[in-house]
Amino acid sequence: MKLIITVVQDKDTNRLVDALGEGNFKVTKLASTGGFLKEGNTTLMIGCEDAYLDEALHIIRDNCSQREQMVAPISPMGGNADSYIPRPVKVEVGGATVFVLPIESFFQF
């Protein structure tokens, strides 16, 4: 058995959770924040048998696309202004960060 921990951008979450549900995967959804943009992310925990790991990864890959987005700069607010860029910047967002962990035992009470 494997535990797949997947961090996705909030914009991709509903589409991914729906697709995983259609594939009969059980998902636990956790709100999270982080990354370069300090925007909302969602962390999904997906338990699956080893035989279904490739299918789960395929669903994640198909539903979490990377795209470019213009981001307005954030003022350093009293911090170091040396790296401050005063104009919007195009950055790549989306996609998924996926961790696959082996599960020694599983209990459901």
PDB file of N, CA and C in Angstrom:
ATOM      1  N   MET A   1       0.844  -1.183   0.000  1.00  0.00           N
ATOM      2  CA  MET A   1       0.000   0.000   0.000  1.00  0.00           C
ATOM      3  C   MET A   1       0.882   1.237   0.000  1.00  0.00           C
ATOM      4  N   LYS A   2       0.387   2.299  -0.634  1.00  0.00           N
ATOM      5  CA  LYS A   2       1.111   3.571  -0.727  1.00  0.00           C
ATOM      6  C   LYS A   2       0.239   4.713  -0.222  1.00  0.00           C
ATOM      7  N   LEU A   3       0.891   5.740   0.307  1.00  0.00           N
ATOM      8  CA  LEU A   3       0.233   6.993   0.633  1.00  0.00           C
ATOM      9  C   LEU A   3       0.811   8.035  -0.314  1.00  0.00           C
ATOM     10  N   ILE A   4      -0.065   8.643  -1.115  1.00  0.00           N
ATOM     11  CA  ILE A   4       0.341   9.691  -2.042  1.00  0.00           C
ATOM     12  C   ILE A   4      -0.038  11.030  -1.409  1.00  0.00           C
ATOM     13  N   ILE A   5       0.951  11.860  -1.172  1.00  0.00           N
ATOM     14  CA  ILE A   5       0.702  13.209  -0.659  1.00  0.00           C
ATOM     15  C   ILE A   5       0.947  14.156  -1.828  1.00  0.00           C
ATOM     16  N   THR A   6      -0.080  14.893  -2.203  1.00  0.00           N
ATOM     17  CA  THR A   6      -0.024  15.749  -3.386  1.00  0.00           C
ATOM     18  C   THR A   6      -0.366  17.176  -3.010  1.00  0.00           C
ATOM     19  N   VAL A   7       0.500  18.120  -3.339  1.00  0.00           N
ATOM     20  CA  VAL A   7       0.246  19.540  -3.090  1.00  0.00           C
ATOM     21  C   VAL A   7      -0.080  20.184  -4.436  1.00  0.00           C
ATOM     22  N   VAL A   8      -1.283  20.761  -4.531  1.00  0.00           N
ATOM     23  CA  VAL A   8      -1.730  21.376  -5.781  1.00  0.00           C
ATOM     24  C   VAL A   8      -2.246  22.788  -5.509  1.00  0.00           C
ATOM     25  N   GLN A   9      -2.278  23.591  -6.538  1.00  0.00           N
ATOM     26  CA  GLN A   9      -2.829  24.938  -6.420  1.00  0.00           C
ATOM     27  C   GLN A   9      -4.349  24.825  -6.251  1.00  0.00           C
ATOM     28  N   ASP A  10      -4.927  25.718  -5.466  1.00  0.00           N
ATOM     29  CA  ASP A  10      -6.368  25.671  -5.199  1.00  0.00           C
ATOM     30  C   ASP A  10      -7.208  25.599  -6.476  1.00  0.00           C
ATOM     31  N   LYS A  11      -6.759  26.268  -7.533  1.00  0.00           N
ATOM     32  CA  LYS A  11      -7.524  26.287  -8.784  1.00  0.00           C
ATOM     33  C   LYS A  11      -7.652  24.906  -9.407  1.00  0.00           C
ATOM     34  N   ASP A  12      -6.737  23.994  -9.107  1.00  0.00           N
ATOM     35  CA  ASP A  12      -6.765  22.651  -9.675  1.00  0.00           C
ATOM     36  C   ASP A  12      -7.463  21.631  -8.770  1.00  0.00           C
ATOM     37  N   THR A  13      -7.750  22.016  -7.552  1.00  0.00           N
ATOM     38  CA  THR A  13      -8.215  21.053  -6.560  1.00  0.00           C
ATOM     39  C   THR A  13      -9.524  20.364  -6.922  1.00  0.00           C
ATOM     40  N   ASN A  14     -10.564  21.125  -7.224  1.00  0.00           N
ATOM     41  CA  ASN A  14     -11.870  20.503  -7.479  1.00  0.00           C
ATOM     42  C   ASN A  14     -11.826  19.543  -8.656  1.00  0.00           C
ATOM     43  N   ARG A  15     -11.167  19.960  -9.728  1.00  0.00           N
ATOM     44  CA  ARG A  15     -11.060  19.098 -10.904  1.00  0.00           C
ATOM     45  C   ARG A  15     -10.335  17.796 -10.548  1.00  0.00           C
ATOM     46  N   LEU A  16      -9.243  17.899  -9.778  1.00  0.00           N
ATOM     47  CA  LEU A  16      -8.468  16.721  -9.409  1.00  0.00           C
ATOM     48  C   LEU A  16      -9.251  15.803  -8.473  1.00  0.00           C
ATOM     49  N   VAL A  17      -9.903  16.372  -7.463  1.00  0.00           N
ATOM     50  CA  VAL A  17     -10.674  15.556  -6.521  1.00  0.00           C
ATOM     51  C   VAL A  17     -11.810  14.836  -7.247  1.00  0.00           C
ATOM     52  N   ASP A  18     -12.483  15.513  -8.171  1.00  0.00           N
ATOM     53  CA  ASP A  18     -13.547  14.872  -8.956  1.00  0.00           C
ATOM     54  C   ASP A  18     -12.995  13.721  -9.787  1.00  0.00           C
ATOM     55  N   ALA A  19     -11.863  13.935 -10.444  1.00  0.00           N
ATOM     56  CA  ALA A  19     -11.266  12.887 -11.278  1.00  0.00           C
ATOM     57  C   ALA A  19     -10.808  11.694 -10.435  1.00  0.00           C
ATOM     58  N   LEU A  20     -10.241  11.962  -9.274  1.00  0.00           N
ATOM     59  CA  LEU A  20      -9.841  10.865  -8.392  1.00  0.00           C
ATOM     60  C   LEU A  20     -11.059  10.090  -7.899  1.00  0.00           C
ATOM     61  N   GLY A  21     -12.145  10.814  -7.608  1.00  0.00           N
ATOM     62  CA  GLY A  21     -13.382  10.150  -7.194  1.00  0.00           C
ATOM     63  C   GLY A  21     -13.937   9.250  -8.279  1.00  0.00           C
ATOM     64  N   GLU A  22     -13.887   9.718  -9.524  1.00  0.00           N
ATOM     65  CA  GLU A  22     -14.342   8.899 -10.654  1.00  0.00           C
ATOM     66  C   GLU A  22     -13.478   7.653 -10.807  1.00  0.00           C
ATOM     67  N   GLY A  23     -12.221   7.725 -10.396  1.00  0.00           N
ATOM     68  CA  GLY A  23     -11.322   6.575 -10.444  1.00  0.00           C
ATOM     69  C   GLY A  23     -11.413   5.713  -9.199  1.00  0.00           C
ATOM     70  N   ASN A  24     -12.385   5.991  -8.324  1.00  0.00           N
ATOM     71  CA  ASN A  24     -12.622   5.245  -7.081  1.00  0.00           C
ATOM     72  C   ASN A  24     -11.477   5.356  -6.073  1.00  0.00           C
ATOM     73  N   PHE A  25     -10.770   6.494  -6.083  1.00  0.00           N
ATOM     74  CA  PHE A  25      -9.742   6.749  -5.079  1.00  0.00           C
ATOM     75  C   PHE A  25     -10.366   7.556  -3.951  1.00  0.00           C
ATOM     76  N   LYS A  26     -10.023   7.215  -2.739  1.00  0.00           N
ATOM     77  CA  LYS A  26     -10.477   7.957  -1.566  1.00  0.00           C
ATOM     78  C   LYS A  26      -9.452   9.046  -1.267  1.00  0.00           C
ATOM     79  N   VAL A  27      -9.945  10.264  -1.009  1.00  0.00           N
ATOM     80  CA  VAL A  27      -9.066  11.422  -0.857  1.00  0.00           C
ATOM     81  C   VAL A  27      -9.395  12.163   0.429  1.00  0.00           C
ATOM     82  N   THR A  28      -8.364  12.563   1.165  1.00  0.00           N
ATOM     83  CA  THR A  28      -8.512  13.478   2.295  1.00  0.00           C
ATOM     84  C   THR A  28      -7.883  14.794   1.881  1.00  0.00           C
ATOM     85  N   LYS A  29      -8.633  15.871   2.035  1.00  0.00           N
ATOM     86  CA  LYS A  29      -8.230  17.196   1.562  1.00  0.00           C
ATOM     87  C   LYS A  29      -7.858  18.083   2.745  1.00  0.00           C
ATOM     88  N   LEU A  30      -6.680  18.697   2.679  1.00  0.00           N
ATOM     89  CA  LEU A  30      -6.203  19.600   3.728  1.00  0.00           C
ATOM     90  C   LEU A  30      -5.852  20.948   3.112  1.00  0.00           C
ATOM     91  N   ALA A  31      -6.296  22.033   3.729  1.00  0.00           N
ATOM     92  CA  ALA A  31      -5.925  23.366   3.255  1.00  0.00           C
ATOM     93  C   ALA A  31      -4.490  23.640   3.676  1.00  0.00           C
ATOM     94  N   SER A  32      -3.717  24.245   2.780  1.00  0.00           N
ATOM     95  CA  SER A  32      -2.328  24.582   3.101  1.00  0.00           C
ATOM     96  C   SER A  32      -1.940  25.861   2.369  1.00  0.00           C
ATOM     97  N   THR A  33      -0.872  26.472   2.823  1.00  0.00           N
ATOM     98  CA  THR A  33      -0.383  27.699   2.204  1.00  0.00           C
ATOM     99  C   THR A  33       1.124  27.594   2.093  1.00  0.00           C
ATOM    100  N   GLY A  34       1.656  28.177   1.048  1.00  0.00           N
ATOM    101  CA  GLY A  34       3.111  28.167   0.951  1.00  0.00           C
ATOM    102  C   GLY A  34       3.564  28.452  -0.455  1.00  0.00           C
ATOM    103  N   GLY A  35       4.826  28.293  -0.648  1.00  0.00           N
ATOM    104  CA  GLY A  35       5.395  28.503  -1.960  1.00  0.00           C
ATOM    105  C   GLY A  35       5.753  29.950  -2.200  1.00  0.00           C
ATOM    106  N   PHE A  36       6.237  30.187  -3.377  1.00  0.00           N
ATOM    107  CA  PHE A  36       6.739  31.503  -3.775  1.00  0.00           C
ATOM    108  C   PHE A  36       5.661  32.577  -3.714  1.00  0.00           C
ATOM    109  N   LEU A  37       4.435  32.236  -4.130  1.00  0.00           N
ATOM    110  CA  LEU A  37       3.379  33.244  -4.223  1.00  0.00           C
ATOM    111  C   LEU A  37       2.597  33.417  -2.929  1.00  0.00           C
ATOM    112  N   LYS A  38       2.834  32.590  -1.951  1.00  0.00           N
ATOM    113  CA  LYS A  38       2.115  32.635  -0.668  1.00  0.00           C
ATOM    114  C   LYS A  38       0.605  32.537  -0.878  1.00  0.00           C
ATOM    115  N   GLU A  39       0.190  31.797  -1.894  1.00  0.00           N
ATOM    116  CA  GLU A  39      -1.231  31.611  -2.193  1.00  0.00           C
ATOM    117  C   GLU A  39      -1.694  30.295  -1.609  1.00  0.00           C
ATOM    118  N   GLY A  40      -3.012  30.121  -1.575  1.00  0.00           N
ATOM    119  CA  GLY A  40      -3.586  28.901  -1.046  1.00  0.00           C
ATOM    120  C   GLY A  40      -3.262  27.694  -1.896  1.00  0.00           C
ATOM    121  N   ASN A  41      -2.895  26.640  -1.232  1.00  0.00           N
ATOM    122  CA  ASN A  41      -2.680  25.345  -1.853  1.00  0.00           C
ATOM    123  C   ASN A  41      -3.617  24.363  -1.188  1.00  0.00           C
ATOM    124  N   THR A  42      -3.727  23.216  -1.769  1.00  0.00           N
ATOM    125  CA  THR A  42      -4.450  22.127  -1.144  1.00  0.00           C
ATOM    126  C   THR A  42      -3.530  20.930  -1.120  1.00  0.00           C
ATOM    127  N   THR A  43      -3.465  20.278   0.024  1.00  0.00           N
ATOM    128  CA  THR A  43      -2.693  19.050   0.149  1.00  0.00           C
ATOM    129  C   THR A  43      -3.676  17.898   0.197  1.00  0.00           C
ATOM    130  N   LEU A  44      -3.507  16.947  -0.705  1.00  0.00           N
ATOM    131  CA  LEU A  44      -4.379  15.781  -0.770  1.00  0.00           C
ATOM    132  C   LEU A  44      -3.613  14.558  -0.293  1.00  0.00           C
ATOM    133  N   MET A  45      -4.255  13.761   0.540  1.00  0.00           N
ATOM    134  CA  MET A  45      -3.695  12.481   0.964  1.00  0.00           C
ATOM    135  C   MET A  45      -4.542  11.389   0.322  1.00  0.00           C
ATOM    136  N   ILE A  46      -3.879  10.532  -0.439  1.00  0.00           N
ATOM    137  CA  ILE A  46      -4.572   9.500  -1.196  1.00  0.00           C
ATOM    138  C   ILE A  46      -3.926   8.163  -0.849  1.00  0.00           C
ATOM    139  N   GLY A  47      -4.704   7.259  -0.303  1.00  0.00           N
ATOM    140  CA  GLY A  47      -4.206   5.919  -0.028  1.00  0.00           C
ATOM    141  C   GLY A  47      -4.590   5.008  -1.182  1.00  0.00           C
ATOM    142  N   CYS A  48      -3.647   4.188  -1.649  1.00  0.00           N
ATOM    143  CA  CYS A  48      -3.986   3.262  -2.727  1.00  0.00           C
ATOM    144  C   CYS A  48      -3.114   2.014  -2.664  1.00  0.00           C
ATOM    145  N   GLU A  49      -3.622   0.954  -3.224  1.00  0.00           N
ATOM    146  CA  GLU A  49      -2.852  -0.274  -3.349  1.00  0.00           C
ATOM    147  C   GLU A  49      -1.754  -0.057  -4.391  1.00  0.00           C
ATOM    148  N   ASP A  50      -0.669  -0.789  -4.255  1.00  0.00           N
ATOM    149  CA  ASP A  50       0.469  -0.648  -5.161  1.00  0.00           C
ATOM    150  C   ASP A  50       0.071  -0.778  -6.630  1.00  0.00           C
ATOM    151  N   ALA A  51      -0.861  -1.668  -6.927  1.00  0.00           N
ATOM    152  CA  ALA A  51      -1.275  -1.925  -8.309  1.00  0.00           C
ATOM    153  C   ALA A  51      -1.941  -0.712  -8.954  1.00  0.00           C
ATOM    154  N   TYR A  52      -2.476   0.217  -8.142  1.00  0.00           N
ATOM    155  CA  TYR A  52      -3.194   1.374  -8.670  1.00  0.00           C
ATOM    156  C   TYR A  52      -2.383   2.664  -8.615  1.00  0.00           C
ATOM    157  N   LEU A  53      -1.125   2.585  -8.206  1.00  0.00           N
ATOM    158  CA  LEU A  53      -0.293   3.781  -8.071  1.00  0.00           C
ATOM    159  C   LEU A  53      -0.138   4.508  -9.399  1.00  0.00           C
ATOM    160  N   ASP A  54       0.194   3.797 -10.464  1.00  0.00           N
ATOM    161  CA  ASP A  54       0.390   4.448 -11.766  1.00  0.00           C
ATOM    162  C   ASP A  54      -0.879   5.133 -12.248  1.00  0.00           C
ATOM    163  N   GLU A  55      -2.029   4.513 -12.004  1.00  0.00           N
ATOM    164  CA  GLU A  55      -3.304   5.122 -12.406  1.00  0.00           C
ATOM    165  C   GLU A  55      -3.536   6.426 -11.646  1.00  0.00           C
ATOM    166  N   ALA A  56      -3.272   6.429 -10.340  1.00  0.00           N
ATOM    167  CA  ALA A  56      -3.446   7.642  -9.531  1.00  0.00           C
ATOM    168  C   ALA A  56      -2.516   8.748 -10.012  1.00  0.00           C
ATOM    169  N   LEU A  57      -1.255   8.402 -10.283  1.00  0.00           N
ATOM    170  CA  LEU A  57      -0.298   9.402 -10.759  1.00  0.00           C
ATOM    171  C   LEU A  57      -0.705   9.948 -12.124  1.00  0.00           C
ATOM    172  N   HIS A  58      -1.253   9.105 -12.965  1.00  0.00           N
ATOM    173  CA  HIS A  58      -1.735   9.541 -14.277  1.00  0.00           C
ATOM    174  C   HIS A  58      -2.877  10.555 -14.125  1.00  0.00           C
ATOM    175  N   ILE A  59      -3.806  10.283 -13.213  1.00  0.00           N
ATOM    176  CA  ILE A  59      -4.924  11.206 -12.969  1.00  0.00           C
ATOM    177  C   ILE A  59      -4.402  12.547 -12.450  1.00  0.00           C
ATOM    178  N   ILE A  60      -3.447  12.505 -11.535  1.00  0.00           N
ATOM    179  CA  ILE A  60      -2.874  13.741 -10.989  1.00  0.00           C
ATOM    180  C   ILE A  60      -2.199  14.542 -12.108  1.00  0.00           C
ATOM    181  N   ARG A  61      -1.402  13.863 -12.919  1.00  0.00           N
ATOM    182  CA  ARG A  61      -0.684  14.535 -14.015  1.00  0.00           C
ATOM    183  C   ARG A  61      -1.654  15.178 -15.007  1.00  0.00           C
ATOM    184  N   ASP A  62      -2.752  14.489 -15.306  1.00  0.00           N
ATOM    185  CA  ASP A  62      -3.722  14.992 -16.292  1.00  0.00           C
ATOM    186  C   ASP A  62      -4.556  16.171 -15.792  1.00  0.00           C
ATOM    187  N   ASN A  63      -4.664  16.334 -14.479  1.00  0.00           N
ATOM    188  CA  ASN A  63      -5.568  17.352 -13.936  1.00  0.00           C
ATOM    189  C   ASN A  63      -4.877  18.515 -13.247  1.00  0.00           C
ATOM    190  N   CYS A  64      -3.564  18.534 -13.234  1.00  0.00           N
ATOM    191  CA  CYS A  64      -2.819  19.622 -12.592  1.00  0.00           C
ATOM    192  C   CYS A  64      -1.832  20.202 -13.585  1.00  0.00           C
ATOM    193  N   SER A  65      -2.327  21.083 -14.419  1.00  0.00           N
ATOM    194  CA  SER A  65      -1.492  21.642 -15.475  1.00  0.00           C
ATOM    195  C   SER A  65      -0.690  22.838 -14.988  1.00  0.00           C
ATOM    196  N   GLN A  66       0.510  22.979 -15.528  1.00  0.00           N
ATOM    197  CA  GLN A  66       1.308  24.165 -15.243  1.00  0.00           C
ATOM    198  C   GLN A  66       0.919  25.249 -16.231  1.00  0.00           C
ATOM    199  N   ARG A  67       0.938  26.496 -15.778  1.00  0.00           N
ATOM    200  CA  ARG A  67       0.578  27.625 -16.626  1.00  0.00           C
ATOM    201  C   ARG A  67       1.345  28.858 -16.146  1.00  0.00           C
ATOM    202  N   GLU A  68       1.395  29.863 -16.987  1.00  0.00           N
ATOM    203  CA  GLU A  68       2.071  31.101 -16.614  1.00  0.00           C
ATOM    204  C   GLU A  68       1.047  32.101 -16.090  1.00  0.00           C
ATOM    205  N   GLN A  69       1.468  32.901 -15.118  1.00  0.00           N
ATOM    206  CA  GLN A  69       0.588  33.888 -14.502  1.00  0.00           C
ATOM    207  C   GLN A  69       1.390  35.142 -14.212  1.00  0.00           C
ATOM    208  N   MET A  70       0.787  36.299 -14.460  1.00  0.00           N
ATOM    209  CA  MET A  70       1.433  37.563 -14.113  1.00  0.00           C
ATOM    210  C   MET A  70       1.200  37.825 -12.627  1.00  0.00           C
ATOM    211  N   VAL A  71       2.268  38.156 -11.927  1.00  0.00           N
ATOM    212  CA  VAL A  71       2.191  38.385 -10.490  1.00  0.00           C
ATOM    213  C   VAL A  71       2.663  39.797 -10.185  1.00  0.00           C
ATOM    214  N   ALA A  72       1.830  40.534  -9.452  1.00  0.00           N
ATOM    215  CA  ALA A  72       2.211  41.876  -9.023  1.00  0.00           C
ATOM    216  C   ALA A  72       3.238  41.755  -7.907  1.00  0.00           C
ATOM    217  N   PRO A  73       4.231  42.625  -7.898  1.00  0.00           N
ATOM    218  CA  PRO A  73       5.255  42.548  -6.856  1.00  0.00           C
ATOM    219  C   PRO A  73       4.683  42.881  -5.486  1.00  0.00           C
ATOM    220  N   ILE A  74       5.295  42.305  -4.475  1.00  0.00           N
ATOM    221  CA  ILE A  74       4.909  42.583  -3.091  1.00  0.00           C
ATOM    222  C   ILE A  74       5.978  43.481  -2.499  1.00  0.00           C
ATOM    223  N   SER A  75       5.546  44.578  -1.897  1.00  0.00           N
ATOM    224  CA  SER A  75       6.483  45.522  -1.301  1.00  0.00           C
ATOM    225  C   SER A  75       7.267  44.844  -0.186  1.00  0.00           C
ATOM    226  N   PRO A  76       8.556  45.167  -0.046  1.00  0.00           N
ATOM    227  CA  PRO A  76       9.359  44.542   0.999  1.00  0.00           C
ATOM    228  C   PRO A  76       8.947  44.948   2.418  1.00  0.00           C
ATOM    229  N   MET A  77       8.156  45.986   2.575  1.00  0.00           N
ATOM    230  CA  MET A  77       7.630  46.417   3.884  1.00  0.00           C
ATOM    231  C   MET A  77       8.703  46.469   4.978  1.00  0.00           C
ATOM    232  N   GLY A  78       9.698  47.262   4.741  1.00  0.00           N
ATOM    233  CA  GLY A  78      10.730  47.452   5.756  1.00  0.00           C
ATOM    234  C   GLY A  78      11.841  46.429   5.687  1.00  0.00           C
ATOM    235  N   GLY A  79      11.698  45.438   4.829  1.00  0.00           N
ATOM    236  CA  GLY A  79      12.746  44.431   4.688  1.00  0.00           C
ATOM    237  C   GLY A  79      13.798  44.893   3.704  1.00  0.00           C
ATOM    238  N   ASN A  80      14.549  43.984   3.200  1.00  0.00           N
ATOM    239  CA  ASN A  80      15.614  44.282   2.251  1.00  0.00           C
ATOM    240  C   ASN A  80      14.998  44.593   0.894  1.00  0.00           C
ATOM    241  N   ALA A  81      15.203  45.795   0.397  1.00  0.00           N
ATOM    242  CA  ALA A  81      14.617  46.224  -0.879  1.00  0.00           C
ATOM    243  C   ALA A  81      15.537  45.930  -2.060  1.00  0.00           C
ATOM    244  N   ASP A  82      16.702  45.313  -1.825  1.00  0.00           N
ATOM    245  CA  ASP A  82      17.649  45.039  -2.905  1.00  0.00           C
ATOM    246  C   ASP A  82      17.066  44.131  -3.978  1.00  0.00           C
ATOM    247  N   SER A  83      16.227  43.167  -3.580  1.00  0.00           N
ATOM    248  CA  SER A  83      15.691  42.209  -4.550  1.00  0.00           C
ATOM    249  C   SER A  83      14.272  42.569  -4.989  1.00  0.00           C
ATOM    250  N   TYR A  84      13.786  43.727  -4.611  1.00  0.00           N
ATOM    251  CA  TYR A  84      12.432  44.152  -4.969  1.00  0.00           C
ATOM    252  C   TYR A  84      12.355  44.500  -6.449  1.00  0.00           C
ATOM    253  N   ILE A  85      11.374  43.919  -7.143  1.00  0.00           N
ATOM    254  CA  ILE A  85      11.158  44.194  -8.572  1.00  0.00           C
ATOM    255  C   ILE A  85       9.874  45.013  -8.675  1.00  0.00           C
ATOM    256  N   PRO A  86       9.923  46.256  -9.164  1.00  0.00           N
ATOM    257  CA  PRO A  86       8.774  47.156  -9.128  1.00  0.00           C
ATOM    258  C   PRO A  86       7.725  46.928 -10.222  1.00  0.00           C
ATOM    259  N   ARG A  87       7.796  45.865 -10.995  1.00  0.00           N
ATOM    260  CA  ARG A  87       6.810  45.642 -12.062  1.00  0.00           C
ATOM    261  C   ARG A  87       6.329  44.186 -12.010  1.00  0.00           C
ATOM    262  N   PRO A  88       5.158  43.915 -12.581  1.00  0.00           N
ATOM    263  CA  PRO A  88       4.652  42.527 -12.580  1.00  0.00           C
ATOM    264  C   PRO A  88       5.632  41.581 -13.289  1.00  0.00           C
ATOM    265  N   VAL A  89       5.648  40.350 -12.801  1.00  0.00           N
ATOM    266  CA  VAL A  89       6.550  39.337 -13.328  1.00  0.00           C
ATOM    267  C   VAL A  89       5.731  38.117 -13.744  1.00  0.00           C
ATOM    268  N   LYS A  90       6.125  37.484 -14.828  1.00  0.00           N
ATOM    269  CA  LYS A  90       5.457  36.270 -15.273  1.00  0.00           C
ATOM    270  C   LYS A  90       6.130  35.077 -14.597  1.00  0.00           C
ATOM    271  N   VAL A  91       5.323  34.257 -13.873  1.00  0.00           N
ATOM    272  CA  VAL A  91       5.858  33.074 -13.204  1.00  0.00           C
ATOM    273  C   VAL A  91       5.046  31.848 -13.603  1.00  0.00           C
ATOM    274  N   GLU A  92       5.650  30.692 -13.469  1.00  0.00           N
ATOM    275  CA  GLU A  92       4.964  29.445 -13.765  1.00  0.00           C
ATOM    276  C   GLU A  92       4.276  28.959 -12.490  1.00  0.00           C
ATOM    277  N   VAL A  93       2.977  28.662 -12.585  1.00  0.00           N
ATOM    278  CA  VAL A  93       2.205  28.189 -11.437  1.00  0.00           C
ATOM    279  C   VAL A  93       1.503  26.898 -11.829  1.00  0.00           C
ATOM    280  N   GLY A  94       0.900  26.280 -10.847  1.00  0.00           N
ATOM    281  CA  GLY A  94       0.143  25.058 -11.106  1.00  0.00           C
ATOM    282  C   GLY A  94       1.033  23.838 -11.037  1.00  0.00           C
ATOM    283  N   GLY A  95       0.541  22.772 -11.622  1.00  0.00           N
ATOM    284  CA  GLY A  95       1.259  21.517 -11.528  1.00  0.00           C
ATOM    285  C   GLY A  95       0.994  20.877 -10.176  1.00  0.00           C
ATOM    286  N   ALA A  96       1.757  19.895  -9.843  1.00  0.00           N
ATOM    287  CA  ALA A  96       1.581  19.198  -8.572  1.00  0.00           C
ATOM    288  C   ALA A  96       2.940  18.771  -8.039  1.00  0.00           C
ATOM    289  N   THR A  97       3.066  18.812  -6.730  1.00  0.00           N
ATOM    290  CA  THR A  97       4.222  18.230  -6.062  1.00  0.00           C
ATOM    291  C   THR A  97       3.717  16.969  -5.390  1.00  0.00           C
ATOM    292  N   VAL A  98       4.319  15.835  -5.738  1.00  0.00           N
ATOM    293  CA  VAL A  98       3.793  14.539  -5.300  1.00  0.00           C
ATOM    294  C   VAL A  98       4.860  13.771  -4.526  1.00  0.00           C
ATOM    295  N   PHE A  99       4.453  13.265  -3.369  1.00  0.00           N
ATOM    296  CA  PHE A  99       5.308  12.396  -2.553  1.00  0.00           C
ATOM    297  C   PHE A  99       4.606  11.046  -2.459  1.00  0.00           C
ATOM    298  N   VAL A 100       5.334   9.972  -2.664  1.00  0.00           N
ATOM    299  CA  VAL A 100       4.769   8.630  -2.539  1.00  0.00           C
ATOM    300  C   VAL A 100       5.504   7.928  -1.408  1.00  0.00           C
ATOM    301  N   LEU A 101       4.739   7.514  -0.402  1.00  0.00           N
ATOM    302  CA  LEU A 101       5.323   6.882   0.783  1.00  0.00           C
ATOM    303  C   LEU A 101       4.803   5.457   0.930  1.00  0.00           C
ATOM    304  N   PRO A 102       5.667   4.536   1.330  1.00  0.00           N
ATOM    305  CA  PRO A 102       5.191   3.174   1.594  1.00  0.00           C
ATOM    306  C   PRO A 102       4.439   3.141   2.927  1.00  0.00           C
ATOM    307  N   ILE A 103       3.380   2.365   2.976  1.00  0.00           N
ATOM    308  CA  ILE A 103       2.598   2.224   4.202  1.00  0.00           C
ATOM    309  C   ILE A 103       2.782   0.811   4.729  1.00  0.00           C
ATOM    310  N   GLU A 104       3.291   0.739   5.948  1.00  0.00           N
ATOM    311  CA  GLU A 104       3.540  -0.576   6.569  1.00  0.00           C
ATOM    312  C   GLU A 104       2.232  -1.203   7.031  1.00  0.00           C
ATOM    313  N   SER A 105       1.370  -0.422   7.652  1.00  0.00           N
ATOM    314  CA  SER A 105       0.061  -0.908   8.083  1.00  0.00           C
ATOM    315  C   SER A 105      -0.972   0.180   7.962  1.00  0.00           C
ATOM    316  N   PHE A 106      -2.213  -0.262   7.902  1.00  0.00           N
ATOM    317  CA  PHE A 106      -3.347   0.649   7.742  1.00  0.00           C
ATOM    318  C   PHE A 106      -4.465   0.173   8.647  1.00  0.00           C
ATOM    319  N   PHE A 107      -5.023   1.075   9.441  1.00  0.00           N
ATOM    320  CA  PHE A 107      -6.118   0.728  10.342  1.00  0.00           C
ATOM    321  C   PHE A 107      -7.243   1.722  10.128  1.00  0.00           C
ATOM    322  N   GLN A 108      -8.452   1.239  10.152  1.00  0.00           N
ATOM    323  CA  GLN A 108      -9.617   2.118  10.068  1.00  0.00           C
ATOM    324  C   GLN A 108     -10.571   1.705  11.173  1.00  0.00           C
ATOM    325  N   PHE A 109     -10.806   2.602  12.124  1.00  0.00           N
ATOM    326  CA  PHE A 109     -11.667   2.293  13.273  1.00  0.00           C
ATOM    327  C   PHE A 109     -13.000   2.974  13.167  1.00  0.00           C
TER     328      PHE A 109
END
